[in-house]
C-alpha atoms as a PDB file:
ATOM      1  CA  MET A   1     139.698 226.528 -37.638  1.00  0.00           C
ATOM      2  CA  ARG A   2     137.543 225.104 -34.682  1.00  0.00           C
ATOM      3  CA  ASP A   3     133.872 224.521 -35.191  1.00  0.00           C
ATOM      4  CA  GLU A   4     134.698 224.922 -39.570  1.00  0.00           C
ATOM      5  CA  LEU A   5     131.770 223.122 -41.697  1.00  0.00           C
ATOM      6  CA  LEU A   6     133.222 220.259 -43.538  1.00  0.00           C
ATOM      7  CA  SER A   7     132.292 221.716 -46.720  1.00  0.00           C
ATOM      8  CA  SER A   8     134.278 224.948 -45.956  1.00  0.00           C
ATOM      9  CA  TRP A   9     137.167 223.053 -45.205  1.00  0.00           C
ATOM     10  CA  LEU A  10     137.224 220.581 -48.266  1.00  0.00           C
ATOM     11  CA  GLY A  11     136.633 224.082 -50.840  1.00  0.00           C
ATOM     12  CA  ARG A  12     139.748 225.727 -49.011  1.00  0.00           C
ATOM     13  CA  LEU A  13     141.927 222.449 -49.361  1.00  0.00           C
ATOM     14  CA  ALA A  14     140.923 221.962 -53.114  1.00  0.00           C
ATOM     15  CA  LYS A  15     141.827 225.487 -53.564  1.00  0.00           C
ATOM     16  CA  ALA A  16     145.355 224.876 -52.040  1.00  0.00           C
ATOM     17  CA  ASN A  17     145.774 221.990 -54.262  1.00  0.00           C
ATOM     18  CA  TYR A  18     145.347 223.788 -56.945  1.00  0.00           C
ATOM     19  CA  CYS A  19     141.795 221.504 -58.038  1.00  0.00           C
ATOM     20  CA  SER A  20     138.153 221.315 -57.905  1.00  0.00           C
ATOM     21  CA  VAL A  21     136.403 220.075 -54.868  1.00  0.00           C
ATOM     22  CA  GLU A  22     134.447 217.606 -56.247  1.00  0.00           C
ATOM     23  CA  GLU A  23     137.853 216.502 -58.066  1.00  0.00           C
ATOM     24  CA  LEU A  24     139.044 216.328 -54.315  1.00  0.00           C
ATOM     25  CA  CYS A  25     136.316 214.564 -52.958  1.00  0.00           C
ATOM     26  CA  GLY A  26     136.710 212.099 -55.459  1.00  0.00           C
ATOM     27  CA  TYR A  27     140.469 211.434 -54.439  1.00  0.00           C
ATOM     28  CA  LEU A  28     139.283 211.392 -50.593  1.00  0.00           C
ATOM     29  CA  GLY A  29     136.856 208.538 -51.217  1.00  0.00           C
ATOM     30  CA  LEU A  30     133.490 210.864 -51.014  1.00  0.00           C
ATOM     31  CA  GLY A  31     132.694 209.778 -54.612  1.00  0.00           C
ATOM     32  CA  GLN A  32     132.685 213.468 -57.232  1.00  0.00           C
ATOM     33  CA  GLY A  33     129.244 213.888 -56.552  1.00  0.00           C
ATOM     34  CA  ARG A  34     127.295 216.499 -53.981  1.00  0.00           C
ATOM     35  CA  VAL A  35     129.806 217.874 -51.830  1.00  0.00           C
ATOM     36  CA  PRO A  36     129.001 216.628 -47.816  1.00  0.00           C
ATOM     37  CA  GLU A  37     127.439 218.470 -45.448  1.00  0.00           C
ATOM     38  CA  CYS A  38     125.435 216.723 -43.156  1.00  0.00           C
ATOM     39  CA  ALA A  39     126.589 213.231 -41.111  1.00  0.00           C
ATOM     40  CA  SER A  40     124.240 211.405 -43.148  1.00  0.00           C
ATOM     41  CA  ASP A  41     126.219 212.610 -46.237  1.00  0.00           C
ATOM     42  CA  LEU A  42     129.167 210.446 -45.266  1.00  0.00           C
ATOM     43  CA  GLN A  43     127.022 207.291 -44.853  1.00  0.00           C
ATOM     44  CA  THR A  44     129.320 206.389 -48.483  1.00  0.00           C
ATOM     45  CA  ALA A  45     132.667 207.712 -47.030  1.00  0.00           C
ATOM     46  CA  ASN A  46     135.338 205.669 -48.105  1.00  0.00           C
ATOM     47  CA  TRP A  47     137.044 205.869 -44.706  1.00  0.00           C
ATOM     48  CA  ALA A  48     140.019 204.413 -44.920  1.00  0.00           C
ATOM     49  CA  MET A  49     140.795 206.074 -47.498  1.00  0.00           C
ATOM     50  CA  LEU A  50     139.196 209.571 -46.526  1.00  0.00           C
ATOM     51  CA  CYS A  51     141.363 209.027 -43.111  1.00  0.00           C
ATOM     52  CA  GLY A  52     144.609 208.131 -44.099  1.00  0.00           C
ATOM     53  CA  ALA A  53     144.466 211.147 -46.359  1.00  0.00           C
ATOM     54  CA  VAL A  54     143.565 214.062 -44.290  1.00  0.00           C
ATOM     55  CA  GLN A  55     145.148 212.185 -40.693  1.00  0.00           C
ATOM     56  CA  ARG A  56     141.800 212.725 -39.083  1.00  0.00           C
ATOM     57  CA  SER A  57     139.391 210.403 -37.471  1.00  0.00           C
ATOM     58  CA  PRO A  58     136.099 209.258 -38.566  1.00  0.00           C
ATOM     59  CA  ASP A  59     134.572 210.963 -35.052  1.00  0.00           C
ATOM     60  CA  GLU A  60     136.495 214.289 -35.979  1.00  0.00           C
ATOM     61  CA  ILE A  61     135.346 214.504 -39.592  1.00  0.00           C
ATOM     62  CA  VAL A  62     131.669 213.759 -38.654  1.00  0.00           C
ATOM     63  CA  SER A  63     132.226 216.571 -35.901  1.00  0.00           C
ATOM     64  CA  MET A  64     132.172 218.937 -38.844  1.00  0.00           C
ATOM     65  CA  ALA A  65     129.011 217.756 -40.532  1.00  0.00           C
ATOM     66  CA  LEU A  66     125.701 219.597 -40.039  1.00  0.00           C
ATOM     67  CA  PRO A  67     123.714 217.410 -37.179  1.00  0.00           C
ATOM     68  CA  ASP A  68     120.840 215.298 -39.180  1.00  0.00           C
ATOM     69  CA  SER A  69     117.044 216.375 -37.732  1.00  0.00           C
ATOM     70  CA  ILE A  70     115.479 213.095 -38.884  1.00  0.00           C
ATOM     71  CA  HIS A  71     113.447 213.091 -36.062  1.00  0.00           C
ATOM     72  CA  HIS A  72     111.055 216.308 -36.280  1.00  0.00           C
ATOM     73  CA  ASP A  73     110.247 218.533 -38.988  1.00  0.00           C
ATOM     74  CA  VAL A  74     111.935 221.806 -37.645  1.00  0.00           C
ATOM     75  CA  GLN A  75     114.051 223.257 -40.046  1.00  0.00           C
ATOM     76  CA  TYR A  76     116.867 224.565 -37.398  1.00  0.00           C
ATOM     77  CA  VAL A  77     119.784 223.493 -39.731  1.00  0.00           C
ATOM     78  CA  SER A  78     120.402 225.459 -43.066  1.00  0.00           C
ATOM     79  CA  ARG A  79     121.809 223.906 -46.461  1.00  0.00           C
ATOM     80  CA  HIS A  80     122.980 227.706 -47.543  1.00  0.00           C
ATOM     81  CA  ASP A  81     124.699 230.358 -46.133  1.00  0.00           C
ATOM     82  CA  PHE A  82     122.093 232.619 -44.582  1.00  0.00           C
ATOM     83  CA  GLN A  83     124.382 234.929 -42.547  1.00  0.00           C
ATOM     84  CA  TYR A  84     127.944 234.827 -41.832  1.00  0.00           C
ATOM     85  CA  CYS A  85     130.854 236.721 -39.150  1.00  0.00           C
ATOM     86  CA  PRO A  86     132.416 239.850 -40.790  1.00  0.00           C
ATOM     87  CA  GLY A  87     135.385 239.401 -38.614  1.00  0.00           C
ATOM     88  CA  CYS A  88     136.303 236.120 -39.807  1.00  0.00           C
ATOM     89  CA  VAL A  89     135.415 236.110 -43.232  1.00  0.00           C
ATOM     90  CA  ALA A  90     137.725 239.363 -43.445  1.00  0.00           C
ATOM     91  CA  LYS A  91     140.250 237.074 -42.489  1.00  0.00           C
ATOM     92  CA  SER A  92     139.493 233.908 -44.121  1.00  0.00           C
ATOM     93  CA  PRO A  93     137.253 235.092 -47.093  1.00  0.00           C
ATOM     94  CA  ASP A  94     136.086 231.182 -47.633  1.00  0.00           C
ATOM     95  CA  LEU A  95     135.759 230.338 -44.711  1.00  0.00           C
ATOM     96  CA  VAL A  96     132.368 228.828 -43.055  1.00  0.00           C
ATOM     97  CA  LEU A  97     132.118 227.919 -39.612  1.00  0.00           C
ATOM     98  CA  ARG A  98     129.403 224.927 -38.725  1.00  0.00           C
ATOM     99  CA  HIS A  99     127.233 227.240 -36.307  1.00  0.00           C
ATOM    100  CA  TRP A 100     126.270 230.210 -38.816  1.00  0.00           C
ATOM    101  CA  ARG A 101     124.502 227.420 -40.115  1.00  0.00           C
ATOM    102  CA  LEU A 102     122.169 226.813 -37.166  1.00  0.00           C
ATOM    103  CA  ALA A 103     118.840 228.801 -36.774  1.00  0.00           C
ATOM    104  CA  TRP A 104     119.525 229.590 -33.072  1.00  0.00           C
ATOM    105  CA  SER A 105     123.173 231.252 -34.051  1.00  0.00           C
ATOM    106  CA  MET A 106     123.194 234.999 -33.141  1.00  0.00           C
ATOM    107  CA  THR A 107     126.720 235.492 -32.585  1.00  0.00           C
ATOM    108  CA  CYS A 108     130.142 234.285 -33.527  1.00  0.00           C
ATOM    109  CA  GLU A 109     131.289 231.593 -31.069  1.00  0.00           C
ATOM    110  CA  ILE A 110     135.150 232.170 -32.376  1.00  0.00           C
ATOM    111  CA  CYS A 111     135.419 235.798 -32.054  1.00  0.00           C
ATOM    112  CA  GLY A 112     131.920 236.730 -30.188  1.00  0.00           C
ATOM    113  CA  GLN A 113     130.972 239.298 -33.007  1.00  0.00           C
ATOM    114  CA  ALA A 114     127.120 239.362 -34.075  1.00  0.00           C
ATOM    115  CA  LEU A 115     126.417 237.478 -37.287  1.00  0.00           C
ATOM    116  CA  GLU A 116     124.964 239.646 -40.118  1.00  0.00           C
ATOM    117  CA  PRO A 117     122.576 237.707 -42.073  1.00  0.00           C
ATOM    118  CA  LYS A 118     122.667 238.319 -46.243  1.00  0.00           C
ATOM    119  CA  ASN A 119     120.127 240.265 -46.433  1.00  0.00           C
ATOM    120  CA  PRO A 120     120.452 242.857 -43.748  1.00  0.00           C
ATOM    121  CA  ALA A 121     116.952 244.903 -42.378  1.00  0.00           C
ATOM    122  CA  LYS A 122     117.206 248.666 -40.701  1.00  0.00           C
ATOM    123  CA  ASP A 123     115.305 250.019 -38.253  1.00  0.00           C
ATOM    124  CA  VAL A 124     115.226 246.782 -36.127  1.00  0.00           C
ATOM    125  CA  SER A 125     113.257 247.103 -32.383  1.00  0.00           C
ATOM    126  CA  ARG A 126     115.610 246.369 -29.302  1.00  0.00           C
ATOM    127  CA  ARG A 127     112.159 244.344 -28.061  1.00  0.00           C
ATOM    128  CA  LEU A 128     111.641 242.015 -31.353  1.00  0.00           C
ATOM    129  CA  HIS A 129     115.795 240.937 -30.853  1.00  0.00           C
ATOM    130  CA  ALA A 130     115.338 240.712 -27.794  1.00  0.00           C
ATOM    131  CA  ARG A 131     112.561 238.610 -27.870  1.00  0.00           C
ATOM    132  CA  ALA A 132     114.265 236.783 -30.970  1.00  0.00           C
ATOM    133  CA  LEU A 133     117.284 236.288 -28.438  1.00  0.00           C
ATOM    134  CA  ARG A 134     114.546 234.554 -26.015  1.00  0.00           C
ATOM    135  CA  GLY A 135     112.906 232.128 -28.713  1.00  0.00           C
ATOM    136  CA  ALA A 136     116.882 231.400 -30.003  1.00  0.00           C
ATOM    137  CA  GLU A 137     117.665 229.651 -26.716  1.00  0.00           C
ATOM    138  CA  VAL A 138     114.324 227.881 -26.666  1.00  0.00           C
ATOM    139  CA  LEU A 139     114.885 226.550 -30.056  1.00  0.00           C
ATOM    140  CA  LYS A 140     118.567 225.541 -28.828  1.00  0.00           C
ATOM    141  CA  THR A 141     117.599 223.481 -25.795  1.00  0.00           C
ATOM    142  CA  ALA A 142     115.061 221.791 -27.182  1.00  0.00           C
ATOM    143  CA  ALA A 143     117.154 220.685 -29.900  1.00  0.00           C
ATOM    144  CA  ALA A 144     119.626 219.647 -27.791  1.00  0.00           C
ATOM    145  CA  MET A 145     117.105 217.596 -25.396  1.00  0.00           C
ATOM    146  CA  THR A 146     115.901 216.306 -28.355  1.00  0.00           C
ATOM    147  CA  ASP A 147     112.873 217.247 -26.602  1.00  0.00           C
ATOM    148  CA  LEU A 148     110.471 216.531 -29.265  1.00  0.00           C
ATOM    149  CA  ALA A 149     107.261 217.817 -27.574  1.00  0.00           C
ATOM    150  CA  ARG A 150     108.796 220.925 -27.584  1.00  0.00           C
ATOM    151  CA  LEU A 151     109.818 220.825 -31.128  1.00  0.00           C
ATOM    152  CA  ASN A 152     106.305 219.761 -32.346  1.00  0.00           C
ATOM    153  CA  ARG A 153     105.179 222.871 -30.545  1.00  0.00           C
ATOM    154  CA  ILE A 154     107.778 224.690 -32.478  1.00  0.00           C
ATOM    155  CA  SER A 155     106.599 223.002 -35.482  1.00  0.00           C
ATOM    156  CA  LEU A 156     102.812 223.506 -34.869  1.00  0.00           C
ATOM    157  CA  THR A 157     104.217 227.955 -34.420  1.00  0.00           C
ATOM    158  CA  LEU A 158     105.796 227.984 -37.506  1.00  0.00           C
ATOM    159  CA  GLN A 159     102.963 226.078 -39.500  1.00  0.00           C
ATOM    160  CA  VAL A 160     100.611 229.492 -37.544  1.00  0.00           C
ATOM    161  CA  ILE A 161     102.795 231.814 -38.939  1.00  0.00           C
ATOM    162  CA  SER A 162     102.774 230.406 -42.450  1.00  0.00           C
ATOM    163  CA  VAL A 163      98.918 229.990 -42.587  1.00  0.00           C
ATOM    164  CA  LEU A 164      98.559 233.725 -41.469  1.00  0.00           C
ATOM    165  CA  LYS A 165     101.373 234.460 -44.080  1.00  0.00           C
ATOM    166  CA  ILE A 166     103.519 236.162 -41.388  1.00  0.00           C
ATOM    167  CA  GLY A 167     106.448 233.925 -41.990  1.00  0.00           C
ATOM    168  CA  ARG A 168     106.779 230.867 -43.299  1.00  0.00           C
ATOM    169  CA  LEU A 169     107.975 227.033 -42.558  1.00  0.00           C
ATOM    170  CA  TRP A 170     112.141 227.590 -43.308  1.00  0.00           C
ATOM    171  CA  SER A 171     111.860 231.195 -41.812  1.00  0.00           C
ATOM    172  CA  LEU A 172     114.017 230.468 -38.901  1.00  0.00           C
ATOM    173  CA  THR A 173     117.124 230.280 -41.182  1.00  0.00           C
ATOM    174  CA  SER A 174     115.998 232.546 -43.717  1.00  0.00           C
ATOM    175  CA  GLY A 175     118.471 235.558 -44.965  1.00  0.00           C
ATOM    176  CA  ASN A 176     116.089 238.453 -44.254  1.00  0.00           C
ATOM    177  CA  LYS A 177     117.003 239.832 -40.675  1.00  0.00           C
ATOM    178  CA  ARG A 178     113.391 240.594 -39.941  1.00  0.00           C
ATOM    179  CA  GLU A 179     111.416 237.760 -41.233  1.00  0.00           C
ATOM    180  CA  ARG A 180     114.109 235.512 -38.948  1.00  0.00           C
ATOM    181  CA  LEU A 181     113.805 237.545 -36.247  1.00  0.00           C
ATOM    182  CA  MET A 182     110.349 237.647 -36.024  1.00  0.00           C
ATOM    183  CA  ALA A 183     110.143 233.861 -36.692  1.00  0.00           C
ATOM    184  CA  LEU A 184     112.525 233.511 -33.528  1.00  0.00           C
ATOM    185  CA  ALA A 185     110.374 235.393 -31.595  1.00  0.00           C
ATOM    186  CA  ALA A 186     107.261 233.686 -32.551  1.00  0.00           C
ATOM    187  CA  VAL A 187     109.085 230.606 -31.286  1.00  0.00           C
ATOM    188  CA  GLY A 188     109.603 232.070 -27.842  1.00  0.00           C
ATOM    189  CA  ILE A 189     106.013 233.167 -27.723  1.00  0.00           C
ATOM    190  CA  GLY A 190     104.169 230.136 -28.885  1.00  0.00           C
ATOM    191  CA  THR A 191     106.220 228.037 -26.555  1.00  0.00           C
ATOM    192  CA  THR A 192     106.206 229.728 -23.221  1.00  0.00           C
ATOM    193  CA  ARG A 193     103.109 231.663 -23.665  1.00  0.00           C
ATOM    194  CA  PRO A 194     101.207 229.958 -26.565  1.00  0.00           C
ATOM    195  CA  LEU A 195      97.728 231.468 -25.513  1.00  0.00           C
ATOM    196  CA  LEU A 196      98.649 235.192 -25.219  1.00  0.00           C
ATOM    197  CA  GLY A 197     100.943 235.151 -28.438  1.00  0.00           C
ATOM    198  CA  ALA A 198      98.247 233.598 -30.883  1.00  0.00           C
ATOM    199  CA  ALA A 199      95.568 235.942 -29.117  1.00  0.00           C
ATOM    200  CA  ILE A 200      97.710 238.566 -30.008  1.00  0.00           C
ATOM    201  CA  ILE A 201      98.088 237.740 -33.912  1.00  0.00           C
ATOM    202  CA  LEU A 202      94.128 237.292 -33.890  1.00  0.00           C
ATOM    203  CA  ARG A 203      93.441 239.919 -32.178  1.00  0.00           C
ATOM    204  CA  GLY A 204      90.575 241.937 -34.476  1.00  0.00           C
ATOM    205  CA  ASN A 205      91.422 239.416 -37.000  1.00  0.00           C
ATOM    206  CA  ASP A 206      88.259 237.041 -37.764  1.00  0.00           C
ATOM    207  CA  PRO A 207      89.039 235.903 -40.922  1.00  0.00           C
ATOM    208  CA  ALA A 208      92.552 234.546 -39.418  1.00  0.00           C
ATOM    209  CA  ALA A 209      90.850 232.916 -36.919  1.00  0.00           C
ATOM    210  CA  ARG A 210      88.292 231.188 -39.288  1.00  0.00           C
ATOM    211  CA  GLU A 211      91.278 230.216 -41.661  1.00  0.00           C
ATOM    212  CA  LEU A 212      93.340 228.639 -38.374  1.00  0.00           C
ATOM    213  CA  SER A 213      90.006 226.432 -37.819  1.00  0.00           C
ATOM    214  CA  ARG A 214      89.717 225.087 -41.729  1.00  0.00           C
ATOM    215  CA  VAL A 215      93.319 224.327 -41.390  1.00  0.00           C
ATOM    216  CA  PHE A 216      94.020 222.758 -38.014  1.00  0.00           C
ATOM    217  CA  PRO A 217      90.375 221.372 -37.293  1.00  0.00           C
ATOM    218  CA  GLU A 218      91.595 218.922 -34.700  1.00  0.00           C
ATOM    219  CA  HIS A 219      92.723 222.317 -32.691  1.00  0.00           C
ATOM    220  CA  ARG A 220      89.357 224.141 -33.274  1.00  0.00           C
ATOM    221  CA  GLU A 221      87.991 224.228 -29.662  1.00  0.00           C
ATOM    222  CA  MET A 222      91.351 225.559 -28.894  1.00  0.00           C
ATOM    223  CA  ILE A 223      91.286 228.335 -31.785  1.00  0.00           C
ATOM    224  CA  GLU A 224      88.058 229.369 -30.236  1.00  0.00           C
ATOM    225  CA  ARG A 225      89.597 229.656 -27.078  1.00  0.00           C
ATOM    226  CA  ILE A 226      92.485 231.943 -28.441  1.00  0.00           C
ATOM    227  CA  ARG A 227      89.511 233.946 -30.005  1.00  0.00           C
ATOM    228  CA  GLY A 228      87.673 234.634 -27.272  1.00  0.00           C
ATOM    229  CA  LEU A 229      91.277 236.164 -25.265  1.00  0.00           C
ATOM    230  CA  SER A 230      91.921 238.027 -28.386  1.00  0.00           C
ATOM    231  CA  GLN A 231      88.614 239.869 -27.751  1.00  0.00           C
ATOM    232  CA  ASP A 232      89.477 240.182 -24.527  1.00  0.00           C
ATOM    233  CA  LEU A 233      92.788 241.817 -24.887  1.00  0.00           C
ATOM    234  CA  GLY A 234      90.425 244.517 -27.192  1.00  0.00           C
ATOM    235  CA  ARG A 235      88.455 245.567 -24.430  1.00  0.00           C
ATOM    236  CA  PRO A 236      88.975 248.702 -22.270  1.00  0.00           C
ATOM    237  CA  LEU A 237      91.505 248.785 -18.465  1.00  0.00           C
ATOM    238  CA  PRO A 238      89.983 246.706 -16.439  1.00  0.00           C
ATOM    239  CA  ARG A 239      88.994 248.188 -12.466  1.00  0.00           C
ATOM    240  CA  LEU A 240      89.684 245.267  -9.998  1.00  0.00           C
ATOM    241  CA  VAL A 241      89.471 246.986  -7.040  1.00  0.00           C
ATOM    242  CA  GLU A 242      86.746 247.105  -4.876  1.00  0.00           C
ATOM    243  CA  THR A 243      86.686 250.451  -2.347  1.00  0.00           C
ATOM    244  CA  VAL A 244      85.165 250.430   1.371  1.00  0.00           C
ATOM    245  CA  HIS A 245      83.197 253.554   2.462  1.00  0.00           C
ATOM    246  CA  PRO A 246      85.208 256.031   3.835  1.00  0.00           C
ATOM    247  CA  THR A 247      85.198 257.067   7.596  1.00  0.00           C
ATOM    248  CA  GLY A 248      86.351 260.196   9.355  1.00  0.00           C
ATOM    249  CA  HIS A 249      89.519 261.336   8.370  1.00  0.00           C
ATOM    250  CA  GLU A 250      89.607 258.815   5.251  1.00  0.00           C
ATOM    251  CA  ALA A 251      87.071 260.701   3.660  1.00  0.00           C
ATOM    252  CA  HIS A 252      89.355 263.631   3.052  1.00  0.00           C
ATOM    253  CA  GLY A 253      91.739 261.628   0.478  1.00  0.00           C
ATOM    254  CA  LEU A 254      93.889 259.525   2.940  1.00  0.00           C
ATOM    255  CA  CYS A 255      92.780 256.190   2.527  1.00  0.00           C
ATOM    256  CA  ARG A 256      93.639 253.515  -0.433  1.00  0.00           C
ATOM    257  CA  PRO A 257      91.252 251.376  -2.265  1.00  0.00           C
ATOM    258  CA  ARG A 258      91.046 247.968  -0.920  1.00  0.00           C
ATOM    259  CA  VAL A 259      91.385 244.915  -3.607  1.00  0.00           C
ATOM    260  CA  SER A 260      89.066 242.286  -2.794  1.00  0.00           C
ATOM    261  CA  GLU A 261      90.346 238.817  -2.661  1.00  0.00           C
ATOM    262  CA  SER A 262      88.141 237.312  -5.458  1.00  0.00           C
ATOM    263  CA  ALA A 263      90.398 239.954  -7.400  1.00  0.00           C
ATOM    264  CA  LEU A 264      93.309 238.984  -6.246  1.00  0.00           C
ATOM    265  CA  GLN A 265      92.454 235.393  -7.240  1.00  0.00           C
ATOM    266  CA  ALA A 266      91.523 236.475 -11.047  1.00  0.00           C
ATOM    267  CA  ALA A 267      94.920 238.140 -10.787  1.00  0.00           C
ATOM    268  CA  ARG A 268      96.955 234.798  -9.933  1.00  0.00           C
ATOM    269  CA  GLN A 269      94.683 232.784 -12.503  1.00  0.00           C
ATOM    270  CA  ALA A 270      95.418 235.549 -15.060  1.00  0.00           C
ATOM    271  CA  ILE A 271      99.531 235.262 -14.064  1.00  0.00           C
ATOM    272  CA  SER A 272      99.074 231.388 -14.121  1.00  0.00           C
ATOM    273  CA  GLU A 273      97.669 231.163 -17.815  1.00  0.00           C
ATOM    274  CA  LEU A 274      99.670 233.832 -19.645  1.00  0.00           C
ATOM    275  CA  GLY A 275     103.010 234.107 -18.063  1.00  0.00           C
ATOM    276  CA  ALA A 276     104.220 236.108 -15.113  1.00  0.00           C
ATOM    277  CA  ASP A 277     106.128 238.493 -17.379  1.00  0.00           C
ATOM    278  CA  ALA A 278     103.384 238.603 -20.028  1.00  0.00           C
ATOM    279  CA  ASN A 279     102.177 241.900 -21.711  1.00  0.00           C
ATOM    280  CA  ARG A 280     100.630 244.028 -18.284  1.00  0.00           C
ATOM    281  CA  GLN A 281      97.259 244.890 -20.539  1.00  0.00           C
ATOM    282  CA  ALA A 282      96.912 241.448 -21.258  1.00  0.00           C
ATOM    283  CA  LEU A 283      97.113 240.296 -17.829  1.00  0.00           C
ATOM    284  CA  LEU A 284      94.831 243.106 -16.819  1.00  0.00           C
ATOM    285  CA  MET A 285      92.239 242.235 -19.249  1.00  0.00           C
ATOM    286  CA  ARG A 286      92.595 238.347 -18.543  1.00  0.00           C
ATOM    287  CA  ALA A 287      91.855 239.129 -14.989  1.00  0.00           C
ATOM    288  CA  ASP A 288      88.974 241.210 -15.182  1.00  0.00           C
ATOM    289  CA  THR A 289      87.350 238.711 -17.402  1.00  0.00           C
ATOM    290  CA  ILE A 290      88.277 235.746 -15.070  1.00  0.00           C
ATOM    291  CA  TRP A 291      87.039 238.022 -12.043  1.00  0.00           C
ATOM    292  CA  LYS A 292      83.739 239.097 -13.823  1.00  0.00           C
ATOM    293  CA  ARG A 293      83.097 235.444 -14.312  1.00  0.00           C
ATOM    294  CA  SER A 294      83.543 234.772 -10.789  1.00  0.00           C
ATOM    295  CA  SER A 295      81.793 237.360  -9.637  1.00  0.00           C
ATOM    296  CA  GLY A 296      78.542 237.019 -11.530  1.00  0.00           C
ATOM    297  CA  VAL A 297      79.213 240.838 -12.681  1.00  0.00           C
ATOM    298  CA  LYS A 298      77.576 241.191 -16.860  1.00  0.00           C
ATOM    299  CA  SER A 299      80.413 242.553 -19.098  1.00  0.00           C
END
């Protein structure tokens, strides 16, 4: 089947030939040790023996293996089956497709059915699922382009959620649905709106901020900035309007308040910092802080 994982294919081939997969690997020139899954596992293969026996080219065989992530430490490739497609497995119980092992895969590329985790979770909100989908797309793009800057930011995001004990470094390929979705959502927010994401997590949690400063001393200045933003999120909704004194018929409630230019500039800066699709309350509170600072208004 298209996109079948190399180890899955070898396992089904061994079953059809009434032998163990280890015995088959030895016969094919792959050795009788670990069944190959990643491209690096094929370095010692006897290609002449292997290709001659299975009637496939080296490129075809390598394409069935999992990619090697040697340039970064983001664990987006899993060595275990953390999810599967119920429809495809119902037809072929021993089948494992390659993309099922990739952290960003949410639907089956063969039948389009949603992939199921090994440990499903109930009552997962639509908002969390939507944010996880955005994070999965960010991760997929970064891996496809080998965007080391973005991959490093993703790695830092995973380190942060690990320090705060709301996730682990390998949560992207966790069989626990809720844990994985939260990690993917954190990737999305951490790469597109890192300040807002960290501020939301640290809101009202000074011990967590101190722990981050201890673990990441090189980022203390940034952590203090985020801590200040998290304090802004806890303040009441601001009033970013300056009204003019009504005259004539306007005094009867027919006029609208006029927004000042300084308030508009503060709003634009808040959108620039947090992103246009950031939480509305967070945008308003950040804009209020900027406006008060620029206008010399005391809190």
